[in-house]
Amino acid sequence: MKKDKFKNLKYVFGVLAGIDVIVWFLILFPVEVKNLQLYFLDIGQGDSSLLILPHSAGSGQAGGVKMLIDGGPPNGALDKNLERIFPANDRYVDLVMISHPQLDHFGGFIELLKNYKVGAVLTSDKTSEQPAWQELEKVIKEKKIRRIILTAGDKIKYQDSEFNILSPRSSDFAKDINDFSLVTILNSAGVKAFFGGDISAEKEKQLADLYDVDVDILKVSHHGSRFSSNLEFLKEASPSFSGIEVGKNNYGHPTKEALARLANFSSQVYRTDLSGLVKLVVANGKLSVYTGK
């Protein structure tokens, strides 16, 4: 590699220190998870990724903390994917992160929040007037789920795993809601993974100028749109694996232009519309990829 059942969570609470928000987990009935697992879910035209964090070596604690980044559209596919991954009696997710309030990123969470125990929902401060978003917020309140607002500079930590929030900053201005997507880099098990919602090529370049975006795993922004996957960003990121979360669509995603740019800088490119559910396991410094089709 380059640089090569009522379960887990009892309490989730934010500790504010300067601009950092640190979310700690108290594991009551943990499942032993030794290796980092990442899933690019097969949910159609939309985004949804599942991350299962490992335990720290010598910590005496088990891992198994589960985080969903985006939930795809409201088509029932999210629940079907999770049923393939979780044991039959497991209806618990520690953290749900919504990159931005567009239906193909949060729609699947409406039913998930109704049917699963969820420790906390992580969002930016951006909202939407669309009915589906209003329904989501209603469910969050009715289920009394803690909501934590994140911004650039915040961190989420669990044992040796850490998420660094790169964007949006409070001073950011953009015409497109896509560029207010929550952007995070996960650093865990010796690898780094980038999740950027639907950010544009311009935002990618800006982040590459501000931060170290050299990563091993890339969730390709905006489903492989021609307006994302900036050349300068990809050169800095140089991922070993790139995953495109995409389904049948009228936008031409992923575009030939984006695929060509990815081919220049990523050693492996997978698409959920072709490969189905994609599972990554990081063990002993080795990244293994498994597909559902």
Protein backbone atom coordinates (compact mmCIF):
# COMPACT_ATOMS: atom_id res chain seq x y z
CA MET A 1 0.00 0.00 0.00
CA LYS A 2 1.08 3.54 -0.64
CA LYS A 3 2.65 5.02 2.61
CA ASP A 4 1.53 1.83 1.46
CA LYS A 5 -28.26 -5.79 20.66
CA PHE A 6 -28.60 -2.81 21.88
CA LYS A 7 -25.02 -2.22 21.15
CA ASN A 8 -21.95 -0.05 21.14
CA LEU A 9 -22.82 3.45 22.22
CA LYS A 10 -24.35 4.41 25.55
CA TYR A 11 -23.46 8.08 25.60
CA VAL A 12 -22.25 10.44 22.87
CA PHE A 13 -21.18 13.84 24.01
CA GLY A 14 -19.21 16.68 22.50
CA VAL A 15 -16.28 18.21 24.33
CA LEU A 16 -15.60 21.72 23.10
CA ALA A 17 -11.96 22.81 23.25
CA GLY A 18 -11.21 25.87 21.14
CA ILE A 19 -12.61 25.04 17.74
CA ASP A 20 -12.24 21.28 18.22
CA VAL A 21 -15.24 19.06 18.83
CA ILE A 22 -14.18 15.64 20.11
CA VAL A 23 -16.79 12.91 20.19
CA TRP A 24 -15.98 10.10 22.64
CA PHE A 25 -17.61 6.71 22.75
CA LEU A 26 -18.33 4.44 25.73
CA ILE A 27 -18.65 0.89 24.44
CA LEU A 28 -20.85 -1.36 26.59
CA PHE A 29 -21.40 -4.48 24.51
CA PRO A 30 -18.66 -4.31 21.88
CA VAL A 31 -18.06 -6.64 18.97
CA GLU A 32 -14.44 -7.55 18.35
CA VAL A 33 -13.34 -5.77 15.17
CA LYS A 34 -9.61 -5.89 14.60
CA ASN A 35 -9.45 -4.44 11.10
CA LEU A 36 -10.73 -1.23 9.56
CA GLN A 37 -13.68 -1.90 7.24
CA LEU A 38 -15.09 0.53 4.70
CA TYR A 39 -18.12 -0.09 2.52
CA PHE A 40 -19.18 1.83 -0.58
CA LEU A 41 -22.87 0.96 -0.53
CA ASP A 42 -24.92 0.02 -3.58
CA ILE A 43 -27.80 2.48 -3.16
CA GLY A 44 -28.37 3.71 -6.72
CA GLN A 45 -27.75 7.31 -7.74
CA GLY A 46 -26.52 8.81 -4.49
CA ASP A 47 -23.87 8.53 -1.80
CA SER A 48 -23.65 6.24 1.20
CA SER A 49 -20.55 4.83 2.89
CA LEU A 50 -20.27 2.69 6.00
CA LEU A 51 -17.13 2.77 8.14
CA ILE A 52 -16.46 0.26 10.93
CA LEU A 53 -13.55 1.37 13.09
CA PRO A 54 -11.07 -1.12 14.61
CA HIS A 55 -9.83 -1.39 18.18
CA SER A 56 -6.45 0.07 19.15
CA ALA A 57 -3.62 -2.41 19.65
CA GLY A 58 -3.06 -2.99 23.36
CA SER A 59 -6.09 -0.90 24.34
CA GLY A 60 -7.91 -3.80 25.94
CA GLN A 61 -11.06 -2.58 24.17
CA ALA A 62 -12.91 -3.90 21.17
CA GLY A 63 -13.73 -1.89 18.08
CA GLY A 64 -16.85 -2.06 15.99
CA VAL A 65 -17.95 1.59 16.11
CA LYS A 66 -20.10 2.14 13.04
CA MET A 67 -20.43 5.39 11.13
CA LEU A 68 -22.50 6.11 8.04
CA ILE A 69 -21.46 8.97 5.80
CA ASP A 70 -24.58 9.90 3.81
CA GLY A 71 -27.62 7.69 3.34
CA GLY A 72 -28.47 7.76 -0.35
CA PRO A 73 -31.95 8.45 -1.75
CA PRO A 74 -35.21 7.33 -0.07
CA ASN A 75 -35.50 4.12 -2.11
CA GLY A 76 -35.05 1.47 0.60
CA ALA A 77 -31.60 0.49 -0.64
CA LEU A 78 -29.74 1.66 2.47
CA ASP A 79 -31.60 -0.78 4.73
CA LYS A 80 -31.08 -3.63 2.24
CA ASN A 81 -27.34 -2.96 2.20
CA LEU A 82 -27.11 -2.88 5.99
CA GLU A 83 -29.06 -6.14 6.24
CA ARG A 84 -26.31 -7.75 4.16
CA ILE A 85 -23.60 -6.44 6.47
CA PHE A 86 -25.03 -6.41 10.02
CA PRO A 87 -26.16 -9.45 12.04
CA ALA A 88 -29.93 -9.96 11.96
CA ASN A 89 -30.44 -8.53 15.46
CA ASP A 90 -28.15 -5.51 14.99
CA ARG A 91 -30.15 -2.30 14.60
CA TYR A 92 -27.62 0.18 15.94
CA VAL A 93 -25.43 2.81 14.28
CA ASP A 94 -23.12 4.96 16.39
CA LEU A 95 -22.85 7.98 14.10
CA VAL A 96 -24.64 9.26 11.03
CA MET A 97 -22.98 12.06 9.04
CA ILE A 98 -24.88 14.05 6.40
CA SER A 99 -22.53 15.82 4.01
CA HIS A 100 -25.16 18.27 2.76
CA PRO A 101 -28.95 18.56 2.52
CA GLN A 102 -29.60 17.05 -0.90
CA LEU A 103 -32.02 14.14 -1.19
CA ASP A 104 -29.57 11.68 -2.78
CA HIS A 105 -27.35 12.08 0.30
CA PHE A 106 -29.81 12.15 3.20
CA GLY A 107 -33.06 10.60 1.93
CA GLY A 108 -32.29 7.06 3.12
CA PHE A 109 -31.71 8.29 6.67
CA ILE A 110 -35.39 9.14 7.23
CA GLU A 111 -36.38 5.47 7.54
CA LEU A 112 -33.07 4.47 9.12
CA LEU A 113 -33.57 6.91 12.01
CA LYS A 114 -37.07 5.51 12.52
CA ASN A 115 -35.94 1.88 12.56
CA TYR A 116 -32.43 1.95 14.08
CA LYS A 117 -30.98 3.23 17.32
CA VAL A 118 -28.59 6.04 16.35
CA GLY A 119 -26.08 7.62 18.73
CA ALA A 120 -25.77 11.02 17.05
CA VAL A 121 -26.35 12.84 13.77
CA LEU A 122 -23.51 15.01 12.44
CA THR A 123 -24.25 17.82 9.98
CA SER A 124 -23.01 21.21 8.89
CA ASP A 125 -25.15 24.25 9.71
CA LYS A 126 -26.79 24.12 6.27
CA THR A 127 -30.48 23.20 6.08
CA SER A 128 -33.16 22.91 3.42
CA GLU A 129 -36.81 23.86 3.01
CA GLN A 130 -37.62 20.71 1.04
CA PRO A 131 -40.26 18.51 2.72
CA ALA A 132 -37.96 15.48 3.01
CA TRP A 133 -35.40 17.49 4.98
CA GLN A 134 -38.12 18.82 7.25
CA GLU A 135 -39.29 15.25 7.85
CA LEU A 136 -35.73 14.20 8.69
CA GLU A 137 -35.39 16.99 11.24
CA LYS A 138 -38.75 16.03 12.72
CA VAL A 139 -37.60 12.43 13.20
CA ILE A 140 -34.34 13.59 14.82
CA LYS A 141 -36.34 15.62 17.34
CA GLU A 142 -38.99 12.97 17.97
CA LYS A 143 -36.38 10.26 18.56
CA LYS A 144 -34.35 12.67 20.72
CA ILE A 145 -31.18 11.95 18.76
CA ARG A 146 -28.27 14.24 19.56
CA ARG A 147 -27.34 16.49 16.62
CA ILE A 148 -23.82 17.90 16.42
CA ILE A 149 -22.92 20.73 14.03
CA LEU A 150 -19.45 20.40 12.51
CA THR A 151 -17.21 22.89 10.77
CA ALA A 152 -13.63 23.05 9.48
CA GLY A 153 -11.11 22.35 12.24
CA ASP A 154 -13.35 19.98 14.21
CA LYS A 155 -12.26 16.43 14.96
CA ILE A 156 -14.00 13.16 15.75
CA LYS A 157 -11.86 10.67 17.65
CA TYR A 158 -12.29 7.05 18.66
CA GLN A 159 -9.23 5.23 20.06
CA ASP A 160 -6.59 5.48 17.29
CA SER A 161 -9.05 6.56 14.59
CA GLU A 162 -9.58 10.23 13.84
CA PHE A 163 -11.74 12.22 11.44
CA ASN A 164 -10.50 15.69 10.55
CA ILE A 165 -13.12 18.06 9.19
CA LEU A 166 -11.63 20.19 6.39
CA SER A 167 -14.71 22.05 5.19
CA PRO A 168 -16.91 24.05 5.25
CA ARG A 169 -15.39 27.00 7.08
CA SER A 170 -17.65 29.59 8.67
CA SER A 171 -16.25 32.20 6.26
CA ASP A 172 -16.93 30.14 3.12
CA PHE A 173 -19.07 31.56 0.34
CA ALA A 174 -20.40 29.48 -2.54
CA LYS A 175 -23.28 29.70 -4.98
CA ASP A 176 -23.79 25.94 -5.00
CA ILE A 177 -24.87 23.96 -1.91
CA ASN A 178 -22.51 21.17 -3.09
CA ASP A 179 -19.52 23.27 -2.08
CA PHE A 180 -20.82 23.45 1.49
CA SER A 181 -20.51 19.67 1.78
CA LEU A 182 -18.86 18.40 4.94
CA VAL A 183 -15.41 17.21 3.90
CA THR A 184 -13.50 14.82 6.13
CA ILE A 185 -10.34 12.72 6.10
CA LEU A 186 -10.34 9.55 8.18
CA ASN A 187 -6.96 8.50 9.56
CA SER A 188 -7.16 4.93 10.86
CA ALA A 189 -5.16 1.68 10.76
CA GLY A 190 -2.31 3.42 8.96
CA VAL A 191 -4.43 4.63 6.03
CA LYS A 192 -6.20 7.85 5.13
CA ALA A 193 -9.57 8.09 3.40
CA PHE A 194 -11.16 11.21 1.88
CA PHE A 195 -14.92 11.85 1.83
CA GLY A 196 -16.04 15.07 0.15
CA GLY A 197 -19.74 14.82 -0.63
CA ASP A 198 -20.44 16.66 -3.88
CA ILE A 199 -17.70 19.30 -3.80
CA SER A 200 -16.63 20.85 -7.09
CA ALA A 201 -13.22 20.84 -8.76
CA GLU A 202 -12.70 24.41 -7.53
CA LYS A 203 -13.30 23.36 -3.92
CA GLU A 204 -11.06 20.31 -4.33
CA LYS A 205 -8.23 22.52 -5.55
CA GLN A 206 -8.79 24.94 -2.66
CA LEU A 207 -8.56 22.10 -0.14
CA ALA A 208 -5.44 20.71 -1.81
CA ASP A 209 -3.83 24.14 -1.39
CA LEU A 210 -4.82 24.35 2.29
CA TYR A 211 -4.31 20.79 3.52
CA ASP A 212 -2.36 17.59 3.05
CA VAL A 213 -4.83 15.59 0.98
CA ASP A 214 -2.45 12.73 0.17
CA VAL A 215 -4.74 9.75 0.86
CA ASP A 216 -4.98 6.02 0.24
CA ILE A 217 -8.74 5.85 -0.32
CA LEU A 218 -10.87 8.41 -2.17
CA LYS A 219 -14.65 8.63 -2.25
CA VAL A 220 -14.93 10.35 -5.62
CA SER A 221 -16.83 13.62 -5.34
CA HIS A 222 -20.19 14.21 -7.01
CA HIS A 223 -20.59 10.70 -8.46
CA GLY A 224 -17.87 11.28 -11.07
CA SER A 225 -19.25 14.55 -12.43
CA ARG A 226 -17.13 16.36 -15.01
CA PHE A 227 -17.15 19.32 -12.63
CA SER A 228 -15.23 17.40 -9.95
CA SER A 229 -12.07 15.24 -9.77
CA ASN A 230 -9.74 18.18 -10.34
CA LEU A 231 -6.36 17.24 -11.83
CA GLU A 232 -4.31 19.17 -9.27
CA PHE A 233 -6.34 17.66 -6.43
CA LEU A 234 -5.94 14.13 -7.78
CA LYS A 235 -2.21 14.63 -8.23
CA GLU A 236 -1.92 15.58 -4.57
CA ALA A 237 -4.30 12.87 -3.38
CA SER A 238 -2.83 10.05 -5.55
CA PRO A 239 -5.16 7.43 -4.03
CA SER A 240 -4.55 3.70 -4.22
CA PHE A 241 -8.32 3.16 -4.39
CA SER A 242 -11.08 5.40 -5.72
CA GLY A 243 -14.75 4.57 -5.26
CA ILE A 244 -17.53 6.15 -7.32
CA GLU A 245 -20.96 5.89 -5.73
CA VAL A 246 -23.35 6.09 -8.65
CA GLY A 247 -26.46 4.50 -10.15
CA LYS A 248 -28.66 4.88 -13.20
CA ASN A 249 -28.94 8.60 -13.91
CA ASN A 250 -29.61 11.24 -16.56
CA TYR A 251 -26.49 13.29 -15.80
CA GLY A 252 -23.95 11.06 -17.53
CA HIS A 253 -22.27 10.17 -14.22
CA PRO A 254 -19.55 9.11 -14.11
CA THR A 255 -18.34 11.16 -17.06
CA LYS A 256 -15.57 10.18 -19.45
CA GLU A 257 -13.64 13.27 -18.40
CA ALA A 258 -13.67 12.35 -14.71
CA LEU A 259 -12.82 8.70 -15.41
CA ALA A 260 -9.88 9.74 -17.58
CA ARG A 261 -8.51 12.01 -14.85
CA LEU A 262 -8.93 9.31 -12.22
CA ALA A 263 -7.14 6.78 -14.42
CA ASN A 264 -4.05 9.01 -14.37
CA PHE A 265 -3.72 9.20 -10.59
CA SER A 266 -5.57 6.26 -8.99
CA SER A 267 -4.36 2.67 -9.21
CA GLN A 268 -7.85 1.16 -8.71
CA VAL A 269 -11.21 2.69 -9.63
CA TYR A 270 -14.47 0.98 -8.66
CA ARG A 271 -18.06 1.98 -9.48
CA THR A 272 -21.05 0.81 -7.46
CA ASP A 273 -23.24 0.73 -10.60
CA LEU A 274 -20.89 -1.91 -12.05
CA SER A 275 -19.48 -3.65 -8.98
CA GLY A 276 -22.39 -3.38 -6.56
CA LEU A 277 -21.49 -3.11 -2.89
CA VAL A 278 -17.74 -2.61 -2.50
CA LYS A 279 -16.00 -3.66 0.74
CA LEU A 280 -12.49 -2.61 1.74
CA VAL A 281 -10.58 -4.24 4.59
CA VAL A 282 -7.28 -2.89 5.90
CA ALA A 283 -5.25 -5.60 7.68
CA ASN A 284 -1.54 -5.66 8.45
CA GLY A 285 -0.87 -2.72 6.13
CA LYS A 286 -2.65 -4.38 3.22
CA LEU A 287 -5.79 -3.08 1.51
CA SER A 288 -8.13 -5.81 0.20
CA VAL A 289 -11.15 -5.10 -2.01
CA TYR A 290 -14.28 -7.26 -2.30
CA THR A 291 -17.27 -6.60 -4.57
CA GLY A 292 -20.91 -7.61 -4.45
CA LYS A 293 -21.32 -8.55 -8.11
